[in-house]
N, C-alpha and C. Protein backbone atom coordinates (compact mmCIF):
# COMPACT_ATOMS: atom_id res chain seq x y z
N MET A 1 108.53 98.31 109.11
CA MET A 1 108.97 98.44 109.85
C MET A 1 110.47 99.32 109.33
N SER A 2 111.37 99.59 109.62
CA SER A 2 112.90 100.86 109.37
C SER A 2 113.81 99.62 109.74
N ASP A 3 113.68 98.87 110.47
CA ASP A 3 114.63 97.58 111.05
C ASP A 3 114.15 96.69 109.62
N GLY A 4 113.54 96.36 108.83
CA GLY A 4 113.12 95.13 107.97
C GLY A 4 111.91 94.59 108.41
N LEU A 5 111.63 94.50 109.56
CA LEU A 5 109.79 94.09 110.24
C LEU A 5 109.03 94.07 109.44
N ILE A 6 108.32 92.89 109.71
CA ILE A 6 106.54 93.14 108.58
C ILE A 6 105.86 92.52 109.36
N VAL A 7 104.69 93.60 110.11
CA VAL A 7 103.63 92.55 111.16
C VAL A 7 102.67 92.39 109.88
N TRP A 8 102.06 90.71 110.30
CA TRP A 8 100.87 90.89 109.17
C TRP A 8 100.06 90.24 110.23
N GLU A 9 98.69 91.03 110.37
CA GLU A 9 97.89 90.71 111.78
C GLU A 9 96.24 91.01 110.82
N THR A 10 96.02 89.34 111.48
CA THR A 10 94.30 89.30 111.49
C THR A 10 94.15 88.97 112.31
N PRO A 11 91.99 88.96 112.56
CA PRO A 11 91.69 88.99 113.78
C PRO A 11 91.57 87.84 114.58
N THR A 12 91.98 86.29 113.98
CA THR A 12 92.72 85.33 114.87
C THR A 12 94.35 85.65 114.91
N ALA A 13 94.94 86.28 114.41
CA ALA A 13 96.83 86.20 114.31
C ALA A 13 97.78 87.37 113.86
N ARG A 14 98.87 87.28 115.27
CA ARG A 14 100.01 88.12 114.69
C ARG A 14 100.97 87.42 114.07
N LYS A 15 101.57 87.74 112.54
CA LYS A 15 102.54 86.94 111.86
C LYS A 15 103.28 87.84 111.97
N THR A 16 105.16 88.05 111.69
CA THR A 16 105.54 88.63 111.53
C THR A 16 106.98 87.93 110.29
N LEU A 17 107.52 89.53 109.77
CA LEU A 17 108.38 88.27 109.38
C LEU A 17 109.99 89.01 109.51
N HIS A 18 111.20 89.22 109.45
CA HIS A 18 112.08 89.82 109.48
C HIS A 18 113.09 89.90 108.29
N LEU A 19 112.98 91.09 107.64
CA LEU A 19 113.66 91.26 106.01
C LEU A 19 114.84 91.78 106.64
N ARG A 20 116.39 91.76 105.52
CA ARG A 20 117.54 92.18 105.98
C ARG A 20 117.66 94.00 106.26
N THR A 21 116.89 94.41 105.42
CA THR A 21 116.59 95.94 105.14
C THR A 21 114.78 96.16 105.33
N SER A 22 114.55 97.81 104.65
CA SER A 22 113.64 97.61 105.02
C SER A 22 112.68 97.68 103.79
N ALA A 23 111.26 97.55 103.96
CA ALA A 23 110.34 97.32 102.52
C ALA A 23 110.06 98.62 102.12
N THR A 24 110.52 98.92 100.55
CA THR A 24 110.27 99.91 99.70
C THR A 24 108.85 99.91 99.65
N ALA A 25 108.22 98.70 98.55
CA ALA A 25 107.00 98.17 98.36
C ALA A 25 106.69 97.62 98.45
N ILE A 26 105.34 97.05 98.45
CA ILE A 26 104.03 95.95 98.99
C ILE A 26 102.98 95.47 98.23
N LEU A 27 103.06 94.52 97.31
CA LEU A 27 101.39 94.43 96.23
C LEU A 27 101.22 92.65 97.05
N GLY A 28 99.80 93.18 97.34
CA GLY A 28 99.55 91.82 97.56
C GLY A 28 98.17 91.24 96.52
N VAL A 29 98.27 89.94 96.12
CA VAL A 29 97.84 89.53 95.15
C VAL A 29 96.94 88.42 95.16
N LYS A 30 96.08 88.55 95.40
CA LYS A 30 94.58 87.60 95.05
C LYS A 30 94.35 86.96 94.04
N GLU A 31 94.73 85.43 93.93
CA GLU A 31 94.93 84.81 93.24
C GLU A 31 93.28 84.11 92.67
N ASP A 32 93.02 83.95 93.69
CA ASP A 32 91.25 83.36 93.67
C ASP A 32 90.73 84.06 93.74
N ASP A 33 90.72 85.45 93.41
CA ASP A 33 89.65 86.93 93.44
C ASP A 33 89.13 86.72 94.84
N VAL A 34 89.74 86.44 96.05
CA VAL A 34 88.65 86.14 97.37
C VAL A 34 89.69 86.58 98.47
N ALA A 35 90.45 86.31 98.77
CA ALA A 35 90.84 86.35 99.44
C ALA A 35 92.98 86.64 99.37
N LEU A 36 93.46 87.62 100.13
CA LEU A 36 95.31 87.46 99.27
C LEU A 36 95.88 86.20 99.61
N SER A 37 96.56 85.68 99.04
CA SER A 37 96.75 84.65 98.56
C SER A 37 98.62 85.20 98.82
N LYS A 38 99.12 86.32 97.71
CA LYS A 38 100.71 86.28 97.65
C LYS A 38 100.86 87.73 97.99
N LEU A 39 101.98 87.99 98.77
CA LEU A 39 102.76 89.59 99.04
C LEU A 39 104.21 89.51 98.36
N TYR A 40 104.24 90.87 97.54
CA TYR A 40 105.62 90.73 97.17
C TYR A 40 105.97 91.97 97.58
N VAL A 41 106.86 91.97 98.38
CA VAL A 41 107.86 92.81 99.06
C VAL A 41 109.19 93.16 98.79
N GLY A 42 108.94 94.28 98.02
CA GLY A 42 110.17 94.98 97.52
C GLY A 42 111.20 95.98 98.37
N ASP A 43 112.57 95.93 98.19
CA ASP A 43 113.53 96.50 99.90
C ASP A 43 113.97 97.88 99.15
N LYS A 44 115.02 98.03 100.25
CA LYS A 44 115.66 98.96 99.69
C LYS A 44 117.53 98.93 99.14
N LEU A 45 117.21 97.02 99.26
CA LEU A 45 118.41 96.63 98.67
C LEU A 45 118.24 96.41 97.15
N GLY A 46 117.03 96.36 96.71
CA GLY A 46 116.53 95.88 94.46
C GLY A 46 115.99 94.79 95.32
N GLN A 47 115.81 94.06 96.16
CA GLN A 47 115.19 92.46 95.95
C GLN A 47 114.11 92.91 96.67
N LEU A 48 113.66 91.07 95.75
CA LEU A 48 111.86 91.28 95.80
C LEU A 48 112.18 89.78 96.60
N HIS A 49 111.09 90.13 97.45
CA HIS A 49 110.94 88.83 98.82
C HIS A 49 109.18 88.28 98.42
N ILE A 50 108.74 86.39 98.34
CA ILE A 50 107.65 86.80 97.88
C ILE A 50 107.05 85.71 99.78
N VAL A 51 105.90 86.44 99.70
CA VAL A 51 105.64 85.90 101.19
C VAL A 51 104.14 84.98 100.35
N GLN A 52 104.10 83.42 100.95
CA GLN A 52 103.29 83.21 100.88
C GLN A 52 101.87 83.21 102.14
N LEU A 53 100.71 83.20 101.79
CA LEU A 53 99.37 83.72 103.07
C LEU A 53 98.66 82.26 102.87
N PRO A 54 97.79 82.06 103.91
CA PRO A 54 98.25 82.53 104.95
C PRO A 54 99.10 82.28 105.77
N GLU A 55 100.05 81.44 105.32
CA GLU A 55 100.96 80.98 106.53
C GLU A 55 102.06 82.30 106.94
N PHE A 56 102.20 82.54 105.97
CA PHE A 56 103.14 84.54 105.95
C PHE A 56 104.44 83.88 106.34
N SER A 57 104.40 82.78 104.90
CA SER A 57 105.91 81.93 105.13
C SER A 57 106.65 82.84 103.88
N LEU A 58 107.56 83.04 104.24
CA LEU A 58 108.68 83.65 103.31
C LEU A 58 109.57 82.49 101.79
N THR A 59 108.47 82.41 100.62
CA THR A 59 108.67 81.74 99.81
C THR A 59 110.06 81.68 99.28
N ALA A 60 110.48 83.37 98.80
CA ALA A 60 111.76 83.11 97.87
C ALA A 60 111.86 84.71 98.09
N THR A 61 113.57 84.83 97.86
CA THR A 61 114.01 86.68 97.63
C THR A 61 115.09 85.90 96.29
N LEU A 62 114.96 87.28 95.77
CA LEU A 62 115.58 87.48 93.92
C LEU A 62 115.89 88.90 94.36
N THR A 63 116.83 89.06 93.50
CA THR A 63 118.01 90.03 93.46
C THR A 63 117.06 90.64 92.01
N VAL A 64 116.63 92.06 91.93
CA VAL A 64 116.18 92.67 91.03
C VAL A 64 116.90 93.56 90.12
N SER A 65 117.38 94.81 90.95
CA SER A 65 118.21 95.55 90.87
C SER A 65 118.92 96.04 91.89
N HIS A 66 119.34 96.87 91.62
CA HIS A 66 121.05 97.61 92.57
C HIS A 66 120.43 98.24 93.36
N VAL A 67 119.17 98.69 92.82
CA VAL A 67 118.63 100.18 93.96
C VAL A 67 117.62 99.80 94.44
N PRO A 68 117.18 100.59 94.77
CA PRO A 68 115.77 100.39 95.76
C PRO A 68 114.02 100.10 95.13
N LEU A 69 113.63 98.99 95.03
CA LEU A 69 112.42 98.80 94.41
C LEU A 69 111.63 99.54 94.81
N ARG A 70 110.65 100.54 93.82
CA ARG A 70 109.82 101.71 94.22
C ARG A 70 108.36 101.34 94.04
N ALA A 71 107.44 100.74 92.96
CA ALA A 71 106.24 100.55 92.64
C ALA A 71 106.44 99.37 92.05
N MET A 72 105.08 98.14 92.06
CA MET A 72 104.42 97.18 91.27
C MET A 72 103.08 97.42 91.50
N CYS A 73 103.29 96.19 89.97
CA CYS A 73 101.32 96.00 89.68
C CYS A 73 101.47 94.69 89.40
N MET A 74 100.48 93.78 89.04
CA MET A 74 100.14 92.85 88.16
C MET A 74 99.75 93.02 86.65
N ASN A 75 99.85 92.89 85.31
CA ASN A 75 99.02 93.57 84.06
C ASN A 75 98.40 91.88 84.40
N ASP A 76 97.53 91.97 82.77
CA ASP A 76 96.38 91.16 82.81
C ASP A 76 97.06 89.97 82.37
N GLN A 77 98.23 89.69 82.70
CA GLN A 77 98.59 88.31 81.87
C GLN A 77 98.94 87.49 83.44
N SER A 78 98.57 88.04 84.37
CA SER A 78 99.32 87.87 85.54
C SER A 78 100.96 87.70 85.74
N GLU A 79 101.54 88.68 85.20
CA GLU A 79 102.82 89.17 85.03
C GLU A 79 102.92 90.10 86.37
N LEU A 80 104.00 90.37 86.79
CA LEU A 80 104.18 91.23 87.81
C LEU A 80 105.69 92.35 87.12
N LEU A 81 105.40 93.80 87.03
CA LEU A 81 105.86 94.51 86.62
C LEU A 81 106.04 95.24 88.16
N ILE A 82 107.60 95.39 87.68
CA ILE A 82 108.60 96.48 88.94
C ILE A 82 109.31 97.67 88.43
N ALA A 83 109.49 98.56 89.78
CA ALA A 83 109.63 99.89 89.13
C ALA A 83 110.82 100.19 89.81
N ASP A 84 112.09 100.54 89.48
CA ASP A 84 112.86 101.01 90.50
C ASP A 84 113.15 102.27 91.07
N ALA A 85 114.68 102.65 91.98
CA ALA A 85 114.82 103.82 92.17
C ALA A 85 115.60 104.75 91.07
N GLU A 86 115.93 104.21 89.30
CA GLU A 86 116.53 104.67 88.70
C GLU A 86 115.46 104.56 87.54
N GLY A 87 113.83 104.54 87.50
CA GLY A 87 113.21 104.21 86.52
C GLY A 87 113.39 103.26 85.83
N ARG A 88 113.95 102.50 86.16
CA ARG A 88 113.84 100.82 85.34
C ARG A 88 112.86 100.16 85.26
N VAL A 89 112.23 99.68 84.46
CA VAL A 89 110.67 98.82 84.39
C VAL A 89 111.14 97.18 84.43
N TRP A 90 110.71 96.98 85.13
CA TRP A 90 111.08 94.98 85.54
C TRP A 90 109.70 94.55 85.23
N ASN A 91 110.69 92.92 84.91
CA ASN A 91 109.87 92.45 84.49
C ASN A 91 109.64 90.40 85.51
N LEU A 92 108.68 90.51 86.19
CA LEU A 92 109.27 89.36 87.03
C LEU A 92 108.51 87.81 86.01
N THR A 93 109.33 86.92 85.39
CA THR A 93 109.60 85.72 84.30
C THR A 93 108.73 84.55 84.80
N LYS A 94 108.80 83.99 84.99
CA LYS A 94 107.59 82.70 84.92
C LYS A 94 108.71 81.50 85.28
N ASP A 95 110.20 81.36 85.05
CA ASP A 95 111.08 81.38 86.13
C ASP A 95 111.67 81.60 87.31
N GLY A 96 110.79 82.56 87.55
CA GLY A 96 111.77 83.70 88.32
C GLY A 96 112.44 84.58 88.81
N THR A 97 113.12 85.08 87.18
CA THR A 97 114.03 85.97 87.26
C THR A 97 113.49 87.31 86.90
N SER A 98 114.12 88.29 86.89
CA SER A 98 114.27 89.28 86.27
C SER A 98 114.48 89.84 85.58
N GLU A 99 113.32 90.61 84.71
CA GLU A 99 114.24 90.89 83.03
C GLU A 99 113.83 92.50 82.68
N LEU A 100 114.31 92.84 82.95
CA LEU A 100 114.34 94.20 82.02
C LEU A 100 113.96 94.51 81.43
N LEU A 101 112.59 95.03 80.90
CA LEU A 101 111.73 95.71 80.17
C LEU A 101 112.58 97.00 79.26
N PHE A 102 112.18 98.28 80.49
CA PHE A 102 112.42 99.48 79.73
C PHE A 102 113.37 100.86 80.68
N GLU A 103 113.42 101.61 80.35
CA GLU A 103 114.21 102.96 81.23
C GLU A 103 113.09 104.12 80.94
N THR A 104 113.22 104.57 82.02
CA THR A 104 112.31 105.47 81.79
C THR A 104 113.09 106.94 81.95
N ASN A 105 114.56 106.97 82.43
CA ASN A 105 115.08 107.90 83.35
C ASN A 105 114.75 109.02 84.22
N ARG A 106 113.39 108.48 84.73
CA ARG A 106 112.03 109.39 85.57
C ARG A 106 112.42 108.88 87.34
N SER A 107 112.27 109.50 87.96
CA SER A 107 111.95 108.47 89.43
C SER A 107 110.46 108.20 89.23
N ILE A 108 110.30 106.81 89.50
CA ILE A 108 108.64 106.59 89.68
C ILE A 108 108.91 106.57 90.13
N SER A 109 106.78 106.82 91.04
CA SER A 109 106.62 106.56 92.13
C SER A 109 105.11 105.53 91.90
N SER A 110 105.05 105.62 91.22
CA SER A 110 103.84 104.59 90.84
C SER A 110 103.80 103.86 89.22
N ILE A 111 103.35 102.63 89.30
CA ILE A 111 103.38 101.94 87.93
C ILE A 111 102.14 101.26 87.84
N ARG A 112 101.18 101.73 86.96
CA ARG A 112 100.15 101.07 86.49
C ARG A 112 100.13 100.17 85.42
N SER A 113 99.62 99.19 85.28
CA SER A 113 98.91 98.40 83.49
C SER A 113 98.19 98.50 83.33
N ASP A 114 97.84 98.77 82.05
CA ASP A 114 96.43 98.97 81.19
C ASP A 114 96.84 98.10 79.82
N GLY A 115 96.53 97.08 79.82
CA GLY A 115 96.82 96.66 78.61
C GLY A 115 97.57 96.39 78.03
N THR A 116 98.36 96.35 76.72
CA THR A 116 99.78 96.56 76.31
C THR A 116 99.86 97.74 76.66
N LYS A 117 99.87 98.64 77.64
CA LYS A 117 100.13 100.14 77.87
C LYS A 117 100.92 99.85 79.07
N ILE A 118 101.75 100.38 79.89
CA ILE A 118 102.43 100.63 81.15
C ILE A 118 102.49 101.87 81.76
N ARG A 119 101.80 102.57 82.84
CA ARG A 119 101.09 103.97 82.89
C ARG A 119 102.62 104.08 84.23
N VAL A 120 103.27 105.29 84.04
CA VAL A 120 103.91 105.57 85.08
C VAL A 120 104.12 106.57 85.51
N GLN A 121 104.00 106.54 86.70
CA GLN A 121 103.62 108.18 87.51
C GLN A 121 105.46 108.24 87.84
N SER A 122 105.45 109.53 87.86
CA SER A 122 106.89 110.63 87.91
C SER A 122 105.87 111.83 88.57
N GLY A 123 106.55 112.21 89.42
CA GLY A 123 105.99 113.68 90.23
C GLY A 123 104.46 113.66 89.62
N TRP A 124 104.65 115.08 89.01
CA TRP A 124 103.65 115.38 88.12
C TRP A 124 103.14 115.07 86.91
N GLU A 125 104.16 113.96 86.06
CA GLU A 125 104.36 114.03 85.49
C GLU A 125 103.49 111.95 85.23
N GLN A 126 102.78 111.84 84.16
CA GLN A 126 102.35 110.90 83.94
C GLN A 126 102.67 110.47 82.63
N CYS A 127 103.31 109.37 82.32
CA CYS A 127 103.73 108.79 81.08
C CYS A 127 103.21 107.61 80.96
N VAL A 128 103.05 107.35 79.22
CA VAL A 128 102.22 105.92 79.18
C VAL A 128 103.01 105.04 77.94
N TYR A 129 103.54 103.83 78.58
CA TYR A 129 104.82 103.09 78.04
C TYR A 129 104.45 102.13 77.35
N HIS A 130 105.32 102.06 75.89
CA HIS A 130 104.87 100.47 75.74
C HIS A 130 105.61 99.97 75.77
N ARG A 131 105.68 98.19 76.08
CA ARG A 131 105.93 97.28 76.48
C ARG A 131 107.66 97.16 76.26
N SER A 132 107.34 98.05 74.77
CA SER A 132 108.91 98.09 74.05
C SER A 132 109.78 98.85 74.93
N GLY A 133 109.32 100.17 75.51
CA GLY A 133 110.00 101.08 76.65
C GLY A 133 109.87 102.79 75.64
N SER A 134 109.40 102.33 74.25
CA SER A 134 108.64 103.99 73.35
C SER A 134 107.68 104.39 74.08
N LEU A 135 107.42 105.85 74.21
CA LEU A 135 107.24 107.04 75.15
C LEU A 135 105.68 107.16 74.00
N SER A 136 104.25 106.82 74.30
CA SER A 136 103.37 106.57 74.17
C SER A 136 102.90 108.21 73.89
N ASN A 137 102.59 108.78 75.09
CA ASN A 137 101.64 109.89 75.58
C ASN A 137 102.56 110.49 77.34
N LEU A 138 102.66 111.70 77.64
CA LEU A 138 102.93 112.16 78.31
C LEU A 138 102.46 113.54 78.85
N GLU A 139 102.32 113.44 79.99
CA GLU A 139 100.96 114.47 80.64
C GLU A 139 101.39 115.11 81.74
N ASP A 140 101.72 116.78 82.06
CA ASP A 140 101.98 117.23 82.83
C ASP A 140 100.62 117.26 83.61
N ALA A 141 100.86 117.09 85.30
CA ALA A 141 99.27 116.99 86.01
C ALA A 141 100.01 118.57 86.38
N SER A 142 100.90 118.99 86.24
CA SER A 142 100.85 120.29 87.52
C SER A 142 100.33 121.81 87.14
N THR A 143 100.11 121.68 86.22
CA THR A 143 99.42 122.78 85.29
C THR A 143 97.62 122.71 85.74
N ALA A 144 97.49 121.34 85.79
CA ALA A 144 96.00 121.08 86.73
C ALA A 144 95.72 121.85 87.94
N PHE A 145 97.03 121.43 88.77
CA PHE A 145 97.49 121.94 90.14
C PHE A 145 97.06 122.91 90.06
N GLY A 146 98.02 123.54 89.87
CA GLY A 146 97.78 125.34 89.08
C GLY A 146 96.40 126.17 89.13
N ASP A 147 95.96 125.63 88.24
CA ASP A 147 94.16 125.49 88.10
C ASP A 147 93.49 125.47 89.36
N ASN A 148 93.63 124.43 89.66
CA ASN A 148 92.77 124.00 91.09
C ASN A 148 92.90 124.69 92.04
N LEU A 149 94.77 125.06 92.44
CA LEU A 149 95.19 125.89 93.63
C LEU A 149 94.11 127.55 93.48
N MET A 150 94.16 127.41 91.71
CA MET A 150 93.87 129.21 92.16
C MET A 150 92.23 129.47 92.12
N LEU A 151 91.49 128.11 91.99
CA LEU A 151 89.78 127.92 92.08
C LEU A 151 90.02 127.76 93.37
N ARG A 152 90.63 126.98 94.05
CA ARG A 152 90.43 127.04 95.29
C ARG A 152 90.72 128.11 96.07
N ARG A 153 91.52 128.73 96.22
CA ARG A 153 91.57 129.86 97.01
C ARG A 153 90.12 131.23 96.00
N MET A 154 89.30 131.33 95.18
CA MET A 154 88.50 131.82 94.60
C MET A 154 87.79 131.30 95.60
N ARG A 155 87.01 130.08 95.74
CA ARG A 155 86.53 129.49 96.86
C ARG A 155 86.08 130.05 98.28
N GLU A 156 87.90 130.06 98.72
CA GLU A 156 87.85 130.61 99.78
C GLU A 156 87.64 131.66 100.26
N ARG A 157 87.89 132.74 99.75
CA ARG A 157 87.90 134.02 99.44
C ARG A 157 86.30 134.32 99.45
N LYS A 158 85.41 133.57 98.16
CA LYS A 158 84.11 134.20 98.40
C LYS A 158 83.24 133.99 99.72
N ALA A 159 83.72 132.42 100.50
CA ALA A 159 83.44 131.82 102.02
C ALA A 159 83.65 132.87 103.12
N ILE A 160 85.10 133.27 102.92
CA ILE A 160 85.47 134.19 104.35
C ILE A 160 84.74 135.84 103.73
N GLU A 161 84.40 136.06 102.48
CA GLU A 161 83.68 137.68 102.12
C GLU A 161 82.21 136.97 102.72
N ALA A 162 81.28 136.21 102.60
CA ALA A 162 80.41 135.40 103.23
C ALA A 162 80.10 135.30 104.63
N GLN A 163 81.01 135.13 105.15
CA GLN A 163 81.03 134.90 106.87
C GLN A 163 81.30 136.42 107.16
N ARG A 164 81.76 137.38 106.47
CA ARG A 164 81.81 139.21 106.88
C ARG A 164 80.83 139.81 106.21
N ARG A 165 80.09 139.52 105.81
CA ARG A 165 78.80 140.30 105.23
C ARG A 165 77.57 139.78 106.42
N GLU A 166 77.38 138.30 106.46
CA GLU A 166 77.19 137.31 107.98
C GLU A 166 77.01 138.45 109.42
N ALA A 167 78.34 138.49 109.41
CA ALA A 167 78.71 139.02 110.67
C ALA A 167 78.33 140.44 110.93
N GLU A 168 78.89 141.15 109.64
CA GLU A 168 77.66 142.57 109.90
C GLU A 168 76.69 142.73 109.89
N ALA A 169 75.69 142.01 109.42
CA ALA A 169 74.61 141.66 109.18
C ALA A 169 73.84 141.24 110.94
N GLN A 170 74.20 140.79 111.88
CA GLN A 170 74.38 140.28 112.85
C GLN A 170 74.30 141.33 113.78
N LEU A 171 75.77 142.72 113.30
CA LEU A 171 76.21 143.60 114.53
C LEU A 171 74.98 144.39 114.47
N ARG A 172 74.59 144.58 112.91
CA ARG A 172 73.37 145.82 112.37
C ARG A 172 72.28 145.41 113.45
N LEU A 173 71.71 143.94 113.61
CA LEU A 173 70.75 143.46 114.22
C LEU A 173 70.87 143.78 116.12
N LEU A 174 71.83 143.66 116.14
CA LEU A 174 72.31 144.41 117.65
C LEU A 174 71.61 145.49 118.71
N PRO A 175 71.12 145.36 119.61
CA PRO A 175 70.60 146.46 119.56
C PRO A 175 71.46 147.44 120.72
N SER A 176 71.00 148.92 120.96
CA SER A 176 71.86 150.04 120.88
C SER A 176 72.34 150.18 122.60
N ALA A 177 73.54 150.34 123.34
CA ALA A 177 73.30 150.38 124.27
C ALA A 177 72.81 151.62 124.78
């Protein structure tokens, strides 16, 4: 909620937790591959809140950045990767501190880890970075969207033309008055 309230509902209970500000990113983690065991909640103040499940209790609050946290993911080594609103990618270390991995100079909307590479979605661009921060690949999906839009409009025109022909055929079958 905009006032910082987080609600967790299960079939048997409804629990709430109130943060100082609104959440901007939430990531649920399964540690036993069966049920969620932790929630990581990023907020507008750049803080990361760790919530233990099923108790739904706040176990820690850490300051990661001075700007809102935008996206999170876990890598293959169960390390938490965090992206902030200014395009920085952070790593949560084992001792519970945040470590700056690299800066993208892009507005990050989502982040995903693929082995040793980190995929960052920024608007229509998908960038692949190494952990060192060097850019491995950049793909602009806006051109594909334009192509898809043109194909969609062509299909719509064909469908409208088919409906028009069908309507004309039905008119020809009507008896004259």
